[in-house]
């Protein structure tokens, strides 16, 4: 599992009016200054608003952070 500091959260509109959070994991890229990410986990269900998908994505990220803190 990636550490929370190596992750990013985004929301994508999969279909018009249907949104899904996506957690991205930082990956080793080239020697450039650009950050490279790959999809690590996606929402199991689409949401009818961007804000709902974002809130659920933040909740998932918080669960991951709490689990990482408990394991440390």
PDB file of N, CA and C in Angstrom:
ATOM      1  N   UNK A   1       0.843  -1.177   0.000  1.00  0.00           N
ATOM      2  CA  UNK A   1       0.000   0.000   0.000  1.00  0.00           C
ATOM      3  C   UNK A   1       0.889   1.242   0.000  1.00  0.00           C
ATOM      4  N   UNK A   2       0.558   2.222  -0.834  1.00  0.00           N
ATOM      5  CA  UNK A   2       1.348   3.458  -0.830  1.00  0.00           C
ATOM      6  C   UNK A   2       1.121   4.228   0.462  1.00  0.00           C
ATOM      7  N   UNK A   3       2.091   5.030   0.840  1.00  0.00           N
ATOM      8  CA  UNK A   3       1.891   5.878   2.010  1.00  0.00           C
ATOM      9  C   UNK A   3       0.997   7.048   1.621  1.00  0.00           C
ATOM     10  N   UNK A   4       0.239   7.597   2.577  1.00  0.00           N
ATOM     11  CA  UNK A   4      -0.669   8.708   2.248  1.00  0.00           C
ATOM     12  C   UNK A   4       0.020   9.903   1.596  1.00  0.00           C
ATOM     13  N   UNK A   5       1.300  10.129   1.914  1.00  0.00           N
ATOM     14  CA  UNK A   5       1.992  11.277   1.313  1.00  0.00           C
ATOM     15  C   UNK A   5       2.354  11.027  -0.143  1.00  0.00           C
ATOM     16  N   UNK A   6       2.220   9.794  -0.599  1.00  0.00           N
ATOM     17  CA  UNK A   6       2.510   9.453  -1.989  1.00  0.00           C
ATOM     18  C   UNK A   6       1.234   9.332  -2.815  1.00  0.00           C
ATOM     19  N   UNK A   7       0.151   9.925  -2.335  1.00  0.00           N
ATOM     20  CA  UNK A   7      -1.141   9.755  -2.996  1.00  0.00           C
ATOM     21  C   UNK A   7      -1.755  11.102  -3.355  1.00  0.00           C
ATOM     22  N   UNK A   8      -2.665  11.045  -4.302  1.00  0.00           N
ATOM     23  CA  UNK A   8      -3.438  12.223  -4.703  1.00  0.00           C
ATOM     24  C   UNK A   8      -4.878  11.771  -4.910  1.00  0.00           C
ATOM     25  N   UNK A   9      -5.792  12.690  -4.712  1.00  0.00           N
ATOM     26  CA  UNK A   9      -7.217  12.421  -4.897  1.00  0.00           C
ATOM     27  C   UNK A   9      -7.730  13.316  -6.012  1.00  0.00           C
ATOM     28  N   UNK A  10      -8.488  12.737  -6.907  1.00  0.00           N
ATOM     29  CA  UNK A  10      -9.125  13.514  -7.960  1.00  0.00           C
ATOM     30  C   UNK A  10     -10.550  13.009  -8.152  1.00  0.00           C
ATOM     31  N   UNK A  11     -11.366  13.817  -8.788  1.00  0.00           N
ATOM     32  CA  UNK A  11     -12.737  13.426  -9.128  1.00  0.00           C
ATOM     33  C   UNK A  11     -12.881  13.534 -10.636  1.00  0.00           C
ATOM     34  N   UNK A  12     -13.425  12.483 -11.230  1.00  0.00           N
ATOM     35  CA  UNK A  12     -13.616  12.462 -12.681  1.00  0.00           C
ATOM     36  C   UNK A  12     -15.097  12.327 -12.993  1.00  0.00           C
ATOM     37  N   UNK A  13     -15.516  12.991 -14.052  1.00  0.00           N
ATOM     38  CA  UNK A  13     -16.884  12.845 -14.530  1.00  0.00           C
ATOM     39  C   UNK A  13     -16.883  11.709 -15.549  1.00  0.00           C
ATOM     40  N   UNK A  14     -17.384  10.545 -15.144  1.00  0.00           N
ATOM     41  CA  UNK A  14     -17.354   9.348 -15.986  1.00  0.00           C
ATOM     42  C   UNK A  14     -18.381   9.406 -17.109  1.00  0.00           C
ATOM     43  N   UNK A  15     -19.536   9.939 -16.793  1.00  0.00           N
ATOM     44  CA  UNK A  15     -20.618  10.163 -17.746  1.00  0.00           C
ATOM     45  C   UNK A  15     -21.216  11.510 -17.374  1.00  0.00           C
ATOM     46  N   UNK A  16     -21.935  12.148 -18.269  1.00  0.00           N
ATOM     47  CA  UNK A  16     -22.519  13.441 -17.913  1.00  0.00           C
ATOM     48  C   UNK A  16     -23.350  13.338 -16.621  1.00  0.00           C
ATOM     49  N   UNK A  17     -22.930  14.097 -15.603  1.00  0.00           N
ATOM     50  CA  UNK A  17     -23.646  14.136 -14.337  1.00  0.00           C
ATOM     51  C   UNK A  17     -23.347  12.989 -13.389  1.00  0.00           C
ATOM     52  N   UNK A  18     -22.357  12.148 -13.696  1.00  0.00           N
ATOM     53  CA  UNK A  18     -21.979  11.033 -12.822  1.00  0.00           C
ATOM     54  C   UNK A  18     -20.479  11.116 -12.530  1.00  0.00           C
ATOM     55  N   UNK A  19     -20.151  11.174 -11.252  1.00  0.00           N
ATOM     56  CA  UNK A  19     -18.780  11.450 -10.822  1.00  0.00           C
ATOM     57  C   UNK A  19     -18.227  10.309  -9.977  1.00  0.00           C
ATOM     58  N   UNK A  20     -16.900  10.164 -10.023  1.00  0.00           N
ATOM     59  CA  UNK A  20     -16.232   9.089  -9.304  1.00  0.00           C
ATOM     60  C   UNK A  20     -14.911   9.608  -8.759  1.00  0.00           C
ATOM     61  N   UNK A  21     -14.661   9.339  -7.467  1.00  0.00           N
ATOM     62  CA  UNK A  21     -13.344   9.686  -6.938  1.00  0.00           C
ATOM     63  C   UNK A  21     -12.328   8.645  -7.398  1.00  0.00           C
ATOM     64  N   UNK A  22     -11.090   9.098  -7.511  1.00  0.00           N
ATOM     65  CA  UNK A  22      -9.987   8.239  -7.927  1.00  0.00           C
ATOM     66  C   UNK A  22      -8.780   8.589  -7.053  1.00  0.00           C
ATOM     67  N   UNK A  23      -8.219   7.566  -6.395  1.00  0.00           N
ATOM     68  CA  UNK A  23      -6.979   7.757  -5.653  1.00  0.00           C
ATOM     69  C   UNK A  23      -5.823   7.368  -6.561  1.00  0.00           C
ATOM     70  N   UNK A  24      -4.834   8.242  -6.607  1.00  0.00           N
ATOM     71  CA  UNK A  24      -3.669   8.044  -7.452  1.00  0.00           C
ATOM     72  C   UNK A  24      -2.447   7.827  -6.583  1.00  0.00           C
ATOM     73  N   UNK A  25      -1.566   6.965  -7.028  1.00  0.00           N
ATOM     74  CA  UNK A  25      -0.327   6.662  -6.332  1.00  0.00           C
ATOM     75  C   UNK A  25       0.835   7.255  -7.118  1.00  0.00           C
ATOM     76  N   UNK A  26       1.723   7.939  -6.419  1.00  0.00           N
ATOM     77  CA  UNK A  26       2.918   8.474  -7.065  1.00  0.00           C
ATOM     78  C   UNK A  26       3.762   7.314  -7.570  1.00  0.00           C
ATOM     79  N   UNK A  27       4.298   7.462  -8.751  1.00  0.00           N
ATOM     80  CA  UNK A  27       5.151   6.418  -9.316  1.00  0.00           C
ATOM     81  C   UNK A  27       6.472   7.029  -9.745  1.00  0.00           C
ATOM     82  N   UNK A  28       7.452   6.184  -9.827  1.00  0.00           N
ATOM     83  CA  UNK A  28       8.764   6.634 -10.268  1.00  0.00           C
ATOM     84  C   UNK A  28       8.675   7.053 -11.731  1.00  0.00           C
ATOM     85  N   UNK A  29       9.072   8.259 -11.995  1.00  0.00           N
ATOM     86  CA  UNK A  29       9.037   8.745 -13.368  1.00  0.00           C
ATOM     87  C   UNK A  29      10.430   8.976 -13.887  1.00  0.00           C
ATOM     88  N   UNK A  30      10.504   9.749 -14.911  1.00  0.00           N
ATOM     89  CA  UNK A  30      11.809  10.075 -15.479  1.00  0.00           C
ATOM     90  C   UNK A  30      12.527  11.080 -14.577  1.00  0.00           C
ATOM     91  N   UNK A  31      13.642  11.523 -14.994  1.00  0.00           N
ATOM     92  CA  UNK A  31      14.441  12.461 -14.210  1.00  0.00           C
ATOM     93  C   UNK A  31      13.882  13.885 -14.255  1.00  0.00           C
ATOM     94  N   UNK A  32      12.758  14.095 -14.919  1.00  0.00           N
ATOM     95  CA  UNK A  32      12.197  15.442 -15.016  1.00  0.00           C
ATOM     96  C   UNK A  32      11.573  15.852 -13.692  1.00  0.00           C
ATOM     97  N   UNK A  33      11.166  17.099 -13.595  1.00  0.00           N
ATOM     98  CA  UNK A  33      10.519  17.617 -12.395  1.00  0.00           C
ATOM     99  C   UNK A  33       9.036  17.281 -12.344  1.00  0.00           C
ATOM    100  N   UNK A  34       8.517  16.663 -13.375  1.00  0.00           N
ATOM    101  CA  UNK A  34       7.084  16.335 -13.429  1.00  0.00           C
ATOM    102  C   UNK A  34       6.765  15.200 -12.465  1.00  0.00           C
ATOM    103  N   UNK A  35       5.582  15.270 -11.857  1.00  0.00           N
ATOM    104  CA  UNK A  35       5.109  14.194 -11.003  1.00  0.00           C
ATOM    105  C   UNK A  35       4.329  13.197 -11.848  1.00  0.00           C
ATOM    106  N   UNK A  36       4.507  11.935 -11.569  1.00  0.00           N
ATOM    107  CA  UNK A  36       3.821  10.885 -12.310  1.00  0.00           C
ATOM    108  C   UNK A  36       2.968  10.073 -11.341  1.00  0.00           C
ATOM    109  N   UNK A  37       1.736   9.815 -11.735  1.00  0.00           N
ATOM    110  CA  UNK A  37       0.813   9.057 -10.898  1.00  0.00           C
ATOM    111  C   UNK A  37       0.155   7.964 -11.714  1.00  0.00           C
ATOM    112  N   UNK A  38      -0.262   6.906 -11.012  1.00  0.00           N
ATOM    113  CA  UNK A  38      -1.055   5.859 -11.641  1.00  0.00           C
ATOM    114  C   UNK A  38      -2.269   5.596 -10.750  1.00  0.00           C
ATOM    115  N   UNK A  39      -3.326   5.102 -11.343  1.00  0.00           N
ATOM    116  CA  UNK A  39      -4.550   4.831 -10.593  1.00  0.00           C
ATOM    117  C   UNK A  39      -4.280   3.719  -9.591  1.00  0.00           C
ATOM    118  N   UNK A  40      -4.671   3.953  -8.338  1.00  0.00           N
ATOM    119  CA  UNK A  40      -4.481   2.969  -7.288  1.00  0.00           C
ATOM    120  C   UNK A  40      -5.818   2.387  -6.827  1.00  0.00           C
ATOM    121  N   UNK A  41      -6.828   3.239  -6.655  1.00  0.00           N
ATOM    122  CA  UNK A  41      -8.138   2.777  -6.199  1.00  0.00           C
ATOM    123  C   UNK A  41      -9.199   3.726  -6.748  1.00  0.00           C
ATOM    124  N   UNK A  42     -10.347   3.180  -7.109  1.00  0.00           N
ATOM    125  CA  UNK A  42     -11.455   4.003  -7.609  1.00  0.00           C
ATOM    126  C   UNK A  42     -12.711   3.716  -6.794  1.00  0.00           C
ATOM    127  N   UNK A  43     -13.610   4.661  -6.797  1.00  0.00           N
ATOM    128  CA  UNK A  43     -14.869   4.509  -6.077  1.00  0.00           C
ATOM    129  C   UNK A  43     -15.663   3.337  -6.640  1.00  0.00           C
ATOM    130  N   UNK A  44     -16.321   2.594  -5.763  1.00  0.00           N
ATOM    131  CA  UNK A  44     -17.124   1.467  -6.244  1.00  0.00           C
ATOM    132  C   UNK A  44     -18.440   1.894  -6.903  1.00  0.00           C
ATOM    133  N   UNK A  45     -18.862   3.123  -6.642  1.00  0.00           N
ATOM    134  CA  UNK A  45     -20.138   3.591  -7.199  1.00  0.00           C
ATOM    135  C   UNK A  45     -20.009   5.038  -7.670  1.00  0.00           C
ATOM    136  N   UNK A  46     -20.742   5.379  -8.700  1.00  0.00           N
ATOM    137  CA  UNK A  46     -20.775   6.750  -9.214  1.00  0.00           C
ATOM    138  C   UNK A  46     -21.694   7.596  -8.349  1.00  0.00           C
ATOM    139  N   UNK A  47     -21.389   8.884  -8.278  1.00  0.00           N
ATOM    140  CA  UNK A  47     -22.198   9.839  -7.515  1.00  0.00           C
ATOM    141  C   UNK A  47     -22.827  10.845  -8.466  1.00  0.00           C
ATOM    142  N   UNK A  48     -23.930  11.424  -8.032  1.00  0.00           N
ATOM    143  CA  UNK A  48     -24.645  12.361  -8.897  1.00  0.00           C
ATOM    144  C   UNK A  48     -24.113  13.790  -8.816  1.00  0.00           C
ATOM    145  N   UNK A  49     -23.128  14.037  -7.942  1.00  0.00           N
ATOM    146  CA  UNK A  49     -22.533  15.371  -7.888  1.00  0.00           C
ATOM    147  C   UNK A  49     -21.031  15.276  -7.630  1.00  0.00           C
ATOM    148  N   UNK A  50     -20.338  16.271  -8.096  1.00  0.00           N
ATOM    149  CA  UNK A  50     -18.895  16.358  -7.880  1.00  0.00           C
ATOM    150  C   UNK A  50     -18.597  16.404  -6.389  1.00  0.00           C
ATOM    151  N   UNK A  51     -19.353  17.226  -5.652  1.00  0.00           N
ATOM    152  CA  UNK A  51     -19.080  17.400  -4.226  1.00  0.00           C
ATOM    153  C   UNK A  51     -19.297  16.111  -3.437  1.00  0.00           C
ATOM    154  N   UNK A  52     -20.275  15.320  -3.795  1.00  0.00           N
ATOM    155  CA  UNK A  52     -20.493  14.034  -3.114  1.00  0.00           C
ATOM    156  C   UNK A  52     -19.327  13.086  -3.379  1.00  0.00           C
ATOM    157  N   UNK A  53     -18.892  13.023  -4.616  1.00  0.00           N
ATOM    158  CA  UNK A  53     -17.758  12.157  -4.952  1.00  0.00           C
ATOM    159  C   UNK A  53     -16.500  12.624  -4.231  1.00  0.00           C
ATOM    160  N   UNK A  54     -16.288  13.919  -4.159  1.00  0.00           N
ATOM    161  CA  UNK A  54     -15.123  14.459  -3.472  1.00  0.00           C
ATOM    162  C   UNK A  54     -15.174  14.127  -1.981  1.00  0.00           C
ATOM    163  N   UNK A  55     -16.323  14.326  -1.349  1.00  0.00           N
ATOM    164  CA  UNK A  55     -16.460  14.032   0.080  1.00  0.00           C
ATOM    165  C   UNK A  55     -16.195  12.555   0.368  1.00  0.00           C
ATOM    166  N   UNK A  56     -16.707  11.673  -0.469  1.00  0.00           N
ATOM    167  CA  UNK A  56     -16.472  10.238  -0.272  1.00  0.00           C
ATOM    168  C   UNK A  56     -15.006   9.878  -0.510  1.00  0.00           C
ATOM    169  N   UNK A  57     -14.370  10.544  -1.462  1.00  0.00           N
ATOM    170  CA  UNK A  57     -12.945  10.320  -1.699  1.00  0.00           C
ATOM    171  C   UNK A  57     -12.095  10.779  -0.528  1.00  0.00           C
ATOM    172  N   UNK A  58     -12.441  11.919   0.047  1.00  0.00           N
ATOM    173  CA  UNK A  58     -11.726  12.419   1.229  1.00  0.00           C
ATOM    174  C   UNK A  58     -11.910  11.441   2.390  1.00  0.00           C
ATOM    175  N   UNK A  59     -13.125  10.925   2.566  1.00  0.00           N
ATOM    176  CA  UNK A  59     -13.380   9.943   3.632  1.00  0.00           C
ATOM    177  C   UNK A  59     -12.533   8.690   3.433  1.00  0.00           C
ATOM    178  N   UNK A  60     -12.420   8.225   2.210  1.00  0.00           N
ATOM    179  CA  UNK A  60     -11.588   7.040   1.921  1.00  0.00           C
ATOM    180  C   UNK A  60     -10.124   7.334   2.219  1.00  0.00           C
ATOM    181  N   UNK A  61      -9.661   8.499   1.835  1.00  0.00           N
ATOM    182  CA  UNK A  61      -8.272   8.879   2.102  1.00  0.00           C
ATOM    183  C   UNK A  61      -8.027   8.965   3.605  1.00  0.00           C
ATOM    184  N   UNK A  62      -8.993   9.493   4.359  1.00  0.00           N
ATOM    185  CA  UNK A  62      -8.857   9.554   5.819  1.00  0.00           C
ATOM    186  C   UNK A  62      -8.786   8.158   6.431  1.00  0.00           C
ATOM    187  N   UNK A  63      -9.567   7.214   5.900  1.00  0.00           N
ATOM    188  CA  UNK A  63      -9.497   5.834   6.396  1.00  0.00           C
ATOM    189  C   UNK A  63      -8.099   5.256   6.163  1.00  0.00           C
ATOM    190  N   UNK A  64      -7.541   5.546   5.007  1.00  0.00           N
ATOM    191  CA  UNK A  64      -6.197   5.048   4.692  1.00  0.00           C
ATOM    192  C   UNK A  64      -5.169   5.661   5.625  1.00  0.00           C
ATOM    193  N   UNK A  65      -5.270   6.951   5.877  1.00  0.00           N
ATOM    194  CA  UNK A  65      -4.333   7.636   6.791  1.00  0.00           C
ATOM    195  C   UNK A  65      -4.469   7.066   8.202  1.00  0.00           C
ATOM    196  N   UNK A  66      -5.703   6.847   8.652  1.00  0.00           N
ATOM    197  CA  UNK A  66      -5.915   6.295   9.999  1.00  0.00           C
ATOM    198  C   UNK A  66      -5.329   4.895  10.110  1.00  0.00           C
ATOM    199  N   UNK A  67      -5.499   4.088   9.079  1.00  0.00           N
ATOM    200  CA  UNK A  67      -4.933   2.739   9.097  1.00  0.00           C
ATOM    201  C   UNK A  67      -3.415   2.784   9.103  1.00  0.00           C
ATOM    202  N   UNK A  68      -2.829   3.695   8.338  1.00  0.00           N
ATOM    203  CA  UNK A  68      -1.367   3.830   8.317  1.00  0.00           C
ATOM    204  C   UNK A  68      -0.849   4.312   9.664  1.00  0.00           C
ATOM    205  N   UNK A  69      -1.555   5.238  10.300  1.00  0.00           N
ATOM    206  CA  UNK A  69      -1.152   5.729  11.621  1.00  0.00           C
ATOM    207  C   UNK A  69      -1.250   4.614  12.664  1.00  0.00           C
ATOM    208  N   UNK A  70      -2.294   3.801  12.580  1.00  0.00           N
ATOM    209  CA  UNK A  70      -2.472   2.716  13.545  1.00  0.00           C
ATOM    210  C   UNK A  70      -1.385   1.650  13.374  1.00  0.00           C
ATOM    211  N   UNK A  71      -0.935   1.457  12.146  1.00  0.00           N
ATOM    212  CA  UNK A  71       0.086   0.445  11.884  1.00  0.00           C
ATOM    213  C   UNK A  71       1.487   0.921  12.285  1.00  0.00           C
ATOM    214  N   UNK A  72       1.653   2.233  12.403  1.00  0.00           N
ATOM    215  CA  UNK A  72       2.980   2.792  12.716  1.00  0.00           C
ATOM    216  C   UNK A  72       3.329   2.695  14.185  1.00  0.00           C
TER     217      UNK A  72
END
